[in-house]
Amino acid sequence: MSALDSIGLITEREVRAHFARVSHSTLWRWCRGGIFPKPVRIGPRRTFWRLEDVQAWSAALPIAPTYNREVVAKERRKGLAHLAE
């Protein structure tokens, strides 16, 4: 456990890896647009995010719907049934 872990700060690499490997540009675009929590600057070249802020943001995201492949396939076949007539 590093000193950063003990005070609840995570690096950009850790943030990006946690969210399906979003790109550097996407992460910063989210920050500029107010979509993602603002980072904390420690020195001129060190940027971190508060783990608590990132976890709260993640928890507030809507959950993507899950699909049963068999049901989706059945509905598609039903929709195309008129073509077989």
C-alpha atoms as a PDB file:
ATOM      1  CA  MET A   1       0.000   0.000   0.000  1.00  0.00           C
ATOM      2  CA  SER A   2       1.512   3.297  -1.054  1.00  0.00           C
ATOM      3  CA  ALA A   3       1.226   6.636   0.711  1.00  0.00           C
ATOM      4  CA  LEU A   4      -1.184   7.775  -1.998  1.00  0.00           C
ATOM      5  CA  ASP A   5      -3.498   4.833  -1.299  1.00  0.00           C
ATOM      6  CA  SER A   6      -3.580   5.681   2.383  1.00  0.00           C
ATOM      7  CA  ILE A   7      -4.793   9.235   1.689  1.00  0.00           C
ATOM      8  CA  GLY A   8      -7.225   8.152  -1.019  1.00  0.00           C
ATOM      9  CA  LEU A   9      -5.603   9.478  -4.198  1.00  0.00           C
ATOM     10  CA  ILE A  10      -5.347   7.570  -7.464  1.00  0.00           C
ATOM     11  CA  THR A  11      -3.398   8.239 -10.631  1.00  0.00           C
ATOM     12  CA  GLU A  12      -4.717   8.897 -14.114  1.00  0.00           C
ATOM     13  CA  ARG A  13      -3.595   5.434 -15.189  1.00  0.00           C
ATOM     14  CA  GLU A  14      -5.637   3.852 -12.372  1.00  0.00           C
ATOM     15  CA  VAL A  15      -8.691   5.944 -13.237  1.00  0.00           C
ATOM     16  CA  ARG A  16      -8.467   5.072 -16.939  1.00  0.00           C
ATOM     17  CA  ALA A  17      -7.934   1.353 -16.248  1.00  0.00           C
ATOM     18  CA  HIS A  18     -10.964   1.235 -13.967  1.00  0.00           C
ATOM     19  CA  PHE A  19     -13.321   2.659 -16.581  1.00  0.00           C
ATOM     20  CA  ALA A  20     -12.822   0.279 -19.489  1.00  0.00           C
ATOM     21  CA  ARG A  21      -9.538   1.866 -20.439  1.00  0.00           C
ATOM     22  CA  VAL A  22     -10.848   5.236 -21.562  1.00  0.00           C
ATOM     23  CA  SER A  23      -8.293   7.300 -23.409  1.00  0.00           C
ATOM     24  CA  HIS A  24      -6.309  10.169 -21.929  1.00  0.00           C
ATOM     25  CA  SER A  25      -8.183  12.622 -24.167  1.00  0.00           C
ATOM     26  CA  THR A  26     -11.599  11.288 -23.173  1.00  0.00           C
ATOM     27  CA  LEU A  27     -10.832  11.510 -19.472  1.00  0.00           C
ATOM     28  CA  TRP A  28      -9.696  15.119 -19.747  1.00  0.00           C
ATOM     29  CA  ARG A  29     -12.652  16.021 -21.983  1.00  0.00           C
ATOM     30  CA  TRP A  30     -14.962  14.596 -19.283  1.00  0.00           C
ATOM     31  CA  CYS A  31     -13.169  16.711 -16.659  1.00  0.00           C
ATOM     32  CA  ARG A  32     -13.381  19.910 -18.719  1.00  0.00           C
ATOM     33  CA  GLY A  33     -17.056  19.273 -19.438  1.00  0.00           C
ATOM     34  CA  GLY A  34     -17.940  18.673 -15.790  1.00  0.00           C
ATOM     35  CA  ILE A  35     -18.860  15.055 -16.493  1.00  0.00           C
ATOM     36  CA  PHE A  36     -16.084  13.585 -14.350  1.00  0.00           C
ATOM     37  CA  PRO A  37     -14.708  14.808 -10.990  1.00  0.00           C
ATOM     38  CA  LYS A  38     -11.990  17.440 -11.136  1.00  0.00           C
ATOM     39  CA  PRO A  39      -8.455  16.239 -10.416  1.00  0.00           C
ATOM     40  CA  VAL A  40      -6.216  17.400  -7.591  1.00  0.00           C
ATOM     41  CA  ARG A  41      -2.866  18.850  -8.610  1.00  0.00           C
ATOM     42  CA  ILE A  42       0.085  18.138  -6.367  1.00  0.00           C
ATOM     43  CA  GLY A  43       2.943  20.113  -7.774  1.00  0.00           C
ATOM     44  CA  PRO A  44       3.293  21.328 -11.348  1.00  0.00           C
ATOM     45  CA  ARG A  45       3.312  17.872 -12.975  1.00  0.00           C
ATOM     46  CA  ARG A  46       1.463  15.555 -10.604  1.00  0.00           C
ATOM     47  CA  THR A  47      -2.297  15.045 -10.989  1.00  0.00           C
ATOM     48  CA  PHE A  48      -4.456  12.701  -8.955  1.00  0.00           C
ATOM     49  CA  TRP A  49      -8.135  12.057  -8.310  1.00  0.00           C
ATOM     50  CA  ARG A  50      -9.747  11.551  -4.944  1.00  0.00           C
ATOM     51  CA  LEU A  51     -10.782   7.925  -4.803  1.00  0.00           C
ATOM     52  CA  GLU A  52     -13.920   8.898  -2.896  1.00  0.00           C
ATOM     53  CA  ASP A  53     -14.993  11.310  -5.679  1.00  0.00           C
ATOM     54  CA  VAL A  54     -14.399   8.716  -8.409  1.00  0.00           C
ATOM     55  CA  GLN A  55     -16.310   6.032  -6.491  1.00  0.00           C
ATOM     56  CA  ALA A  56     -19.249   8.377  -5.904  1.00  0.00           C
ATOM     57  CA  TRP A  57     -19.312   9.318  -9.591  1.00  0.00           C
ATOM     58  CA  SER A  58     -19.190   5.659 -10.598  1.00  0.00           C
ATOM     59  CA  ALA A  59     -21.997   4.729  -8.204  1.00  0.00           C
ATOM     60  CA  ALA A  60     -24.217   7.466  -9.671  1.00  0.00           C
ATOM     61  CA  LEU A  61     -23.903   6.142 -13.232  1.00  0.00           C
ATOM     62  CA  PRO A  62     -26.988   4.493 -14.682  1.00  0.00           C
ATOM     63  CA  ILE A  63     -26.563   0.765 -15.054  1.00  0.00           C
ATOM     64  CA  ALA A  64     -26.519  -0.419 -18.650  1.00  0.00           C
ATOM     65  CA  PRO A  65     -29.314  -2.839 -19.482  1.00  0.00           C
ATOM     66  CA  THR A  66     -28.418  -6.474 -19.902  1.00  0.00           C
ATOM     67  CA  TYR A  67     -29.869  -8.474 -22.739  1.00  0.00           C
ATOM     68  CA  ASN A  68     -30.702 -12.130 -22.976  1.00  0.00           C
ATOM     69  CA  ARG A  69     -29.310 -13.159 -26.369  1.00  0.00           C
ATOM     70  CA  GLU A  70     -31.966 -15.807 -26.909  1.00  0.00           C
ATOM     71  CA  VAL A  71     -34.814 -13.356 -26.290  1.00  0.00           C
ATOM     72  CA  VAL A  72     -33.260 -10.762 -28.614  1.00  0.00           C
ATOM     73  CA  ALA A  73     -32.763 -13.378 -31.369  1.00  0.00           C
ATOM     74  CA  LYS A  74     -36.354 -14.582 -30.980  1.00  0.00           C
ATOM     75  CA  GLU A  75     -37.698 -11.015 -31.235  1.00  0.00           C
ATOM     76  CA  ARG A  76     -35.608 -10.383 -34.335  1.00  0.00           C
ATOM     77  CA  ARG A  77     -36.900 -13.551 -35.992  1.00  0.00           C
ATOM     78  CA  LYS A  78     -40.451 -12.547 -35.123  1.00  0.00           C
ATOM     79  CA  GLY A  79     -39.896  -9.153 -36.716  1.00  0.00           C
ATOM     80  CA  LEU A  80     -38.589 -10.766 -39.918  1.00  0.00           C
ATOM     81  CA  ALA A  81     -41.318 -13.434 -40.145  1.00  0.00           C
ATOM     82  CA  HIS A  82     -43.318 -11.421 -42.672  1.00  0.00           C
ATOM     83  CA  LEU A  83     -40.434 -11.682 -45.142  1.00  0.00           C
ATOM     84  CA  ALA A  84     -40.720 -15.491 -45.232  1.00  0.00           C
ATOM     85  CA  GLU A  85     -44.387 -15.455 -46.244  1.00  0.00           C
END
